[in-house]
Amino acid sequence: MISIIQVLMIIFALFAWSRAIVRLKDKDIGIGEFIFWSIVWAAVILASIIPALIGLISTFVGIGRATDLAVYVSIIILFYLIFRVYVKIKSQNHQITTLVREIAITRAKKKRK
């Protein structure tokens, strides 16, 4: 029998996946990011429907408890996402700096004339 938490996890994963579809249609994310999020949310749904699957996988990789595996995988995904955000912010900072310099040079040239 399926528990309330399993139903909630499935509903949340479907909702989150629908947001990824909308973002893809709006071209806010690329196909690679959409595939990544589709895999993540499909894994959440699969783990919710068949919780014993996580136990089998955790035993296969040598982790004692299924919950520990879920925590480890979640932490790895979070670190990856933080890294992506860090790289994006660093790139935007560089672009902003370049733009501000160009604007300053353009304004300085206009003042001289």
N, C-alpha and C. Protein backbone atom coordinates (compact mmCIF):
# COMPACT_ATOMS: atom_id res chain seq x y z
N MET A 1 0.85 -1.18 0.00
CA MET A 1 0.00 0.00 0.00
C MET A 1 0.89 1.25 0.00
N ILE A 2 0.47 2.22 -0.72
CA ILE A 2 1.24 3.45 -0.88
C ILE A 2 0.91 4.41 0.27
N SER A 3 1.96 5.02 0.83
CA SER A 3 1.76 5.92 1.98
C SER A 3 1.52 7.35 1.50
N ILE A 4 1.14 8.19 2.44
CA ILE A 4 0.87 9.59 2.14
C ILE A 4 2.15 10.29 1.67
N ILE A 5 3.29 9.99 2.32
CA ILE A 5 4.54 10.64 1.92
C ILE A 5 4.92 10.25 0.50
N GLN A 6 4.66 9.01 0.11
CA GLN A 6 4.95 8.59 -1.25
C GLN A 6 4.10 9.37 -2.25
N VAL A 7 2.82 9.53 -1.93
CA VAL A 7 1.92 10.30 -2.80
C VAL A 7 2.40 11.74 -2.91
N LEU A 8 2.77 12.33 -1.78
CA LEU A 8 3.25 13.71 -1.78
C LEU A 8 4.54 13.85 -2.60
N MET A 9 5.44 12.90 -2.47
CA MET A 9 6.68 12.95 -3.24
C MET A 9 6.40 12.84 -4.73
N ILE A 10 5.49 11.97 -5.11
CA ILE A 10 5.14 11.81 -6.52
C ILE A 10 4.50 13.09 -7.06
N ILE A 11 3.58 13.65 -6.30
CA ILE A 11 2.92 14.90 -6.72
C ILE A 11 3.94 16.02 -6.86
N PHE A 12 4.85 16.14 -5.88
CA PHE A 12 5.86 17.19 -5.96
C PHE A 12 6.77 16.99 -7.16
N ALA A 13 7.20 15.74 -7.38
CA ALA A 13 8.10 15.46 -8.51
C ALA A 13 7.41 15.77 -9.84
N LEU A 14 6.14 15.42 -9.96
CA LEU A 14 5.40 15.73 -11.19
C LEU A 14 5.26 17.24 -11.37
N PHE A 15 4.99 17.95 -10.28
CA PHE A 15 4.90 19.40 -10.35
C PHE A 15 6.25 20.00 -10.77
N ALA A 16 7.33 19.56 -10.14
CA ALA A 16 8.66 20.09 -10.46
C ALA A 16 9.03 19.78 -11.91
N TRP A 17 8.69 18.57 -12.37
CA TRP A 17 8.97 18.20 -13.76
C TRP A 17 8.16 19.07 -14.72
N SER A 18 6.91 19.39 -14.34
CA SER A 18 6.09 20.27 -15.19
C SER A 18 6.73 21.65 -15.29
N ARG A 19 7.35 22.12 -14.21
CA ARG A 19 8.05 23.41 -14.24
C ARG A 19 9.24 23.34 -15.19
N ALA A 20 9.92 22.20 -15.21
CA ALA A 20 11.05 22.02 -16.13
C ALA A 20 10.56 22.05 -17.59
N ILE A 21 9.40 21.45 -17.83
CA ILE A 21 8.83 21.47 -19.19
C ILE A 21 8.51 22.90 -19.60
N VAL A 22 7.90 23.66 -18.70
CA VAL A 22 7.56 25.06 -18.99
C VAL A 22 8.84 25.85 -19.26
N ARG A 23 9.87 25.65 -18.45
CA ARG A 23 11.14 26.36 -18.64
C ARG A 23 11.77 26.00 -19.98
N LEU A 24 11.65 24.74 -20.39
CA LEU A 24 12.18 24.31 -21.69
C LEU A 24 11.41 24.99 -22.82
N LYS A 25 10.09 25.02 -22.71
CA LYS A 25 9.27 25.67 -23.75
C LYS A 25 9.55 27.16 -23.84
N ASP A 26 9.82 27.80 -22.68
CA ASP A 26 10.14 29.24 -22.66
C ASP A 26 11.60 29.49 -23.02
N LYS A 27 12.35 28.42 -23.25
CA LYS A 27 13.78 28.48 -23.58
C LYS A 27 14.61 29.10 -22.47
N ASP A 28 14.15 28.91 -21.22
CA ASP A 28 14.93 29.35 -20.06
C ASP A 28 16.01 28.33 -19.71
N ILE A 29 15.80 27.07 -20.10
CA ILE A 29 16.79 26.02 -19.91
C ILE A 29 16.99 25.30 -21.24
N GLY A 30 18.15 24.70 -21.38
CA GLY A 30 18.46 23.96 -22.59
C GLY A 30 18.00 22.51 -22.46
N ILE A 31 18.16 21.77 -23.54
CA ILE A 31 17.74 20.36 -23.55
C ILE A 31 18.56 19.54 -22.56
N GLY A 32 19.84 19.86 -22.40
CA GLY A 32 20.69 19.13 -21.45
C GLY A 32 20.20 19.29 -20.02
N GLU A 33 19.87 20.52 -19.66
CA GLU A 33 19.35 20.77 -18.31
C GLU A 33 18.00 20.09 -18.12
N PHE A 34 17.17 20.12 -19.18
CA PHE A 34 15.87 19.46 -19.09
C PHE A 34 16.03 17.96 -18.89
N ILE A 35 16.96 17.36 -19.60
CA ILE A 35 17.20 15.91 -19.44
C ILE A 35 17.69 15.62 -18.02
N PHE A 36 18.60 16.46 -17.51
CA PHE A 36 19.09 16.28 -16.14
C PHE A 36 17.94 16.29 -15.15
N TRP A 37 17.07 17.33 -15.23
CA TRP A 37 15.95 17.44 -14.29
C TRP A 37 14.93 16.33 -14.51
N SER A 38 14.76 15.90 -15.73
CA SER A 38 13.83 14.79 -16.00
C SER A 38 14.33 13.52 -15.32
N ILE A 39 15.63 13.28 -15.39
CA ILE A 39 16.20 12.10 -14.73
C ILE A 39 16.04 12.20 -13.21
N VAL A 40 16.31 13.38 -12.66
CA VAL A 40 16.18 13.58 -11.21
C VAL A 40 14.76 13.30 -10.77
N TRP A 41 13.78 13.92 -11.43
CA TRP A 41 12.38 13.77 -11.00
C TRP A 41 11.84 12.38 -11.31
N ALA A 42 12.32 11.75 -12.38
CA ALA A 42 11.92 10.36 -12.66
C ALA A 42 12.47 9.44 -11.57
N ALA A 43 13.70 9.70 -11.12
CA ALA A 43 14.28 8.89 -10.05
C ALA A 43 13.49 9.05 -8.75
N VAL A 44 13.06 10.27 -8.46
CA VAL A 44 12.25 10.52 -7.25
C VAL A 44 10.94 9.74 -7.35
N ILE A 45 10.30 9.79 -8.50
CA ILE A 45 9.03 9.07 -8.68
C ILE A 45 9.25 7.57 -8.57
N LEU A 46 10.30 7.07 -9.23
CA LEU A 46 10.59 5.63 -9.18
C LEU A 46 10.90 5.19 -7.75
N ALA A 47 11.67 5.98 -7.03
CA ALA A 47 12.00 5.64 -5.64
C ALA A 47 10.76 5.71 -4.75
N SER A 48 9.82 6.58 -5.10
CA SER A 48 8.59 6.68 -4.31
C SER A 48 7.68 5.49 -4.57
N ILE A 49 7.63 5.05 -5.80
CA ILE A 49 6.76 3.93 -6.16
C ILE A 49 7.35 2.61 -5.68
N ILE A 50 8.68 2.46 -5.84
CA ILE A 50 9.36 1.21 -5.47
C ILE A 50 10.48 1.53 -4.47
N PRO A 51 10.14 1.77 -3.20
CA PRO A 51 11.17 2.13 -2.22
C PRO A 51 12.23 1.04 -2.02
N ALA A 52 11.88 -0.22 -2.25
CA ALA A 52 12.84 -1.31 -2.08
C ALA A 52 13.99 -1.20 -3.08
N LEU A 53 13.75 -0.49 -4.19
CA LEU A 53 14.79 -0.32 -5.20
C LEU A 53 15.99 0.43 -4.64
N ILE A 54 15.74 1.43 -3.82
CA ILE A 54 16.86 2.17 -3.20
C ILE A 54 17.64 1.25 -2.27
N GLY A 55 16.93 0.37 -1.58
CA GLY A 55 17.61 -0.60 -0.72
C GLY A 55 18.52 -1.52 -1.50
N LEU A 56 18.05 -1.97 -2.65
CA LEU A 56 18.87 -2.84 -3.51
C LEU A 56 20.10 -2.09 -4.03
N ILE A 57 19.89 -0.86 -4.46
CA ILE A 57 21.00 -0.07 -4.99
C ILE A 57 22.01 0.22 -3.88
N SER A 58 21.52 0.57 -2.68
CA SER A 58 22.44 0.87 -1.58
C SER A 58 23.25 -0.36 -1.19
N THR A 59 22.64 -1.51 -1.21
CA THR A 59 23.37 -2.75 -0.91
C THR A 59 24.41 -3.02 -1.99
N PHE A 60 24.03 -2.80 -3.24
CA PHE A 60 24.94 -3.03 -4.37
C PHE A 60 26.17 -2.14 -4.28
N VAL A 61 26.01 -0.88 -3.90
CA VAL A 61 27.16 0.04 -3.83
C VAL A 61 27.87 -0.01 -2.48
N GLY A 62 27.36 -0.81 -1.55
CA GLY A 62 28.04 -1.00 -0.27
C GLY A 62 27.67 -0.01 0.80
N ILE A 63 26.50 0.59 0.69
CA ILE A 63 26.03 1.52 1.72
C ILE A 63 24.98 0.78 2.54
N GLY A 64 25.09 0.88 3.86
CA GLY A 64 24.25 0.09 4.75
C GLY A 64 22.76 0.35 4.64
N ARG A 65 22.37 1.61 4.67
CA ARG A 65 20.94 1.92 4.70
C ARG A 65 20.54 2.70 3.45
N ALA A 66 19.32 2.47 3.01
CA ALA A 66 18.81 3.14 1.82
C ALA A 66 18.72 4.65 2.04
N THR A 67 18.38 5.05 3.25
CA THR A 67 18.28 6.47 3.57
C THR A 67 19.63 7.15 3.41
N ASP A 68 20.69 6.47 3.82
CA ASP A 68 22.04 7.04 3.67
C ASP A 68 22.35 7.26 2.19
N LEU A 69 21.99 6.32 1.34
CA LEU A 69 22.22 6.48 -0.09
C LEU A 69 21.49 7.71 -0.62
N ALA A 70 20.24 7.87 -0.22
CA ALA A 70 19.45 9.03 -0.67
C ALA A 70 20.11 10.33 -0.22
N VAL A 71 20.61 10.36 1.00
CA VAL A 71 21.28 11.57 1.52
C VAL A 71 22.57 11.82 0.74
N TYR A 72 23.37 10.79 0.50
CA TYR A 72 24.63 10.96 -0.23
C TYR A 72 24.38 11.49 -1.65
N VAL A 73 23.43 10.89 -2.33
CA VAL A 73 23.12 11.31 -3.70
C VAL A 73 22.60 12.75 -3.70
N SER A 74 21.76 13.08 -2.73
CA SER A 74 21.22 14.44 -2.63
C SER A 74 22.34 15.46 -2.41
N ILE A 75 23.28 15.13 -1.55
CA ILE A 75 24.39 16.03 -1.28
C ILE A 75 25.25 16.21 -2.53
N ILE A 76 25.51 15.13 -3.24
CA ILE A 76 26.30 15.22 -4.47
C ILE A 76 25.60 16.11 -5.49
N ILE A 77 24.30 15.93 -5.66
CA ILE A 77 23.54 16.77 -6.60
C ILE A 77 23.57 18.23 -6.16
N LEU A 78 23.41 18.47 -4.86
CA LEU A 78 23.46 19.86 -4.36
C LEU A 78 24.82 20.51 -4.61
N PHE A 79 25.90 19.77 -4.36
CA PHE A 79 27.23 20.32 -4.64
C PHE A 79 27.40 20.63 -6.12
N TYR A 80 26.91 19.75 -6.98
CA TYR A 80 26.99 19.99 -8.42
C TYR A 80 26.22 21.26 -8.80
N LEU A 81 25.02 21.41 -8.26
CA LEU A 81 24.20 22.58 -8.58
C LEU A 81 24.82 23.86 -8.03
N ILE A 82 25.40 23.80 -6.84
CA ILE A 82 26.09 24.96 -6.28
C ILE A 82 27.27 25.34 -7.16
N PHE A 83 28.00 24.36 -7.64
CA PHE A 83 29.12 24.63 -8.55
C PHE A 83 28.62 25.32 -9.81
N ARG A 84 27.53 24.84 -10.38
CA ARG A 84 26.97 25.45 -11.60
C ARG A 84 26.56 26.90 -11.35
N VAL A 85 25.92 27.14 -10.21
CA VAL A 85 25.51 28.51 -9.87
C VAL A 85 26.75 29.39 -9.67
N TYR A 86 27.77 28.89 -9.02
CA TYR A 86 29.00 29.63 -8.81
C TYR A 86 29.63 30.04 -10.14
N VAL A 87 29.72 29.09 -11.08
CA VAL A 87 30.31 29.38 -12.38
C VAL A 87 29.47 30.42 -13.12
N LYS A 88 28.15 30.29 -13.04
CA LYS A 88 27.26 31.25 -13.71
C LYS A 88 27.42 32.65 -13.12
N ILE A 89 27.48 32.76 -11.81
CA ILE A 89 27.63 34.06 -11.16
C ILE A 89 28.99 34.67 -11.52
N LYS A 90 30.03 33.87 -11.51
CA LYS A 90 31.35 34.37 -11.87
C LYS A 90 31.36 34.89 -13.31
N SER A 91 30.72 34.19 -14.21
CA SER A 91 30.62 34.62 -15.61
C SER A 91 29.83 35.92 -15.72
N GLN A 92 28.73 36.02 -15.00
CA GLN A 92 27.93 37.24 -15.03
C GLN A 92 28.70 38.42 -14.45
N ASN A 93 29.45 38.20 -13.39
CA ASN A 93 30.28 39.26 -12.81
C ASN A 93 31.29 39.77 -13.83
N HIS A 94 31.90 38.84 -14.56
CA HIS A 94 32.86 39.23 -15.59
C HIS A 94 32.17 40.04 -16.70
N GLN A 95 30.99 39.60 -17.11
CA GLN A 95 30.25 40.32 -18.16
C GLN A 95 29.84 41.71 -17.68
N ILE A 96 29.41 41.82 -16.44
CA ILE A 96 29.01 43.13 -15.88
C ILE A 96 30.22 44.06 -15.82
N THR A 97 31.35 43.53 -15.38
CA THR A 97 32.57 44.35 -15.30
C THR A 97 32.96 44.86 -16.68
N THR A 98 32.91 43.99 -17.67
CA THR A 98 33.23 44.39 -19.04
C THR A 98 32.27 45.46 -19.54
N LEU A 99 30.99 45.27 -19.28
CA LEU A 99 29.98 46.23 -19.72
C LEU A 99 30.16 47.59 -19.05
N VAL A 100 30.41 47.59 -17.75
CA VAL A 100 30.61 48.84 -17.01
C VAL A 100 31.83 49.58 -17.55
N ARG A 101 32.91 48.85 -17.84
CA ARG A 101 34.10 49.49 -18.40
C ARG A 101 33.80 50.14 -19.75
N GLU A 102 33.07 49.41 -20.60
CA GLU A 102 32.72 49.94 -21.92
C GLU A 102 31.85 51.20 -21.79
N ILE A 103 30.90 51.17 -20.89
CA ILE A 103 30.04 52.35 -20.67
C ILE A 103 30.86 53.51 -20.15
N ALA A 104 31.77 53.26 -19.23
CA ALA A 104 32.61 54.32 -18.67
C ALA A 104 33.50 54.93 -19.75
N ILE A 105 34.07 54.10 -20.60
CA ILE A 105 34.92 54.60 -21.68
C ILE A 105 34.10 55.42 -22.66
N THR A 106 32.91 54.94 -23.01
CA THR A 106 32.03 55.65 -23.94
C THR A 106 31.63 57.00 -23.36
N ARG A 107 31.27 57.06 -22.10
CA ARG A 107 30.88 58.34 -21.46
C ARG A 107 32.08 59.29 -21.37
N ALA A 108 33.26 58.76 -21.09
CA ALA A 108 34.45 59.61 -21.02
C ALA A 108 34.75 60.22 -22.38
N LYS A 109 34.59 59.44 -23.44
CA LYS A 109 34.82 59.95 -24.80
C LYS A 109 33.81 61.03 -25.16
N LYS A 110 32.56 60.86 -24.74
CA LYS A 110 31.51 61.85 -25.02
C LYS A 110 31.78 63.16 -24.28
N LYS A 111 32.31 63.07 -23.07
CA LYS A 111 32.60 64.28 -22.28
C LYS A 111 33.75 65.07 -22.91
N ARG A 112 34.68 64.39 -23.52
CA ARG A 112 35.82 65.06 -24.15
C ARG A 112 35.38 65.86 -25.37
N LYS A 113 34.35 65.40 -26.04
CA LYS A 113 33.89 66.06 -27.27
C LYS A 113 33.06 67.22 -26.96
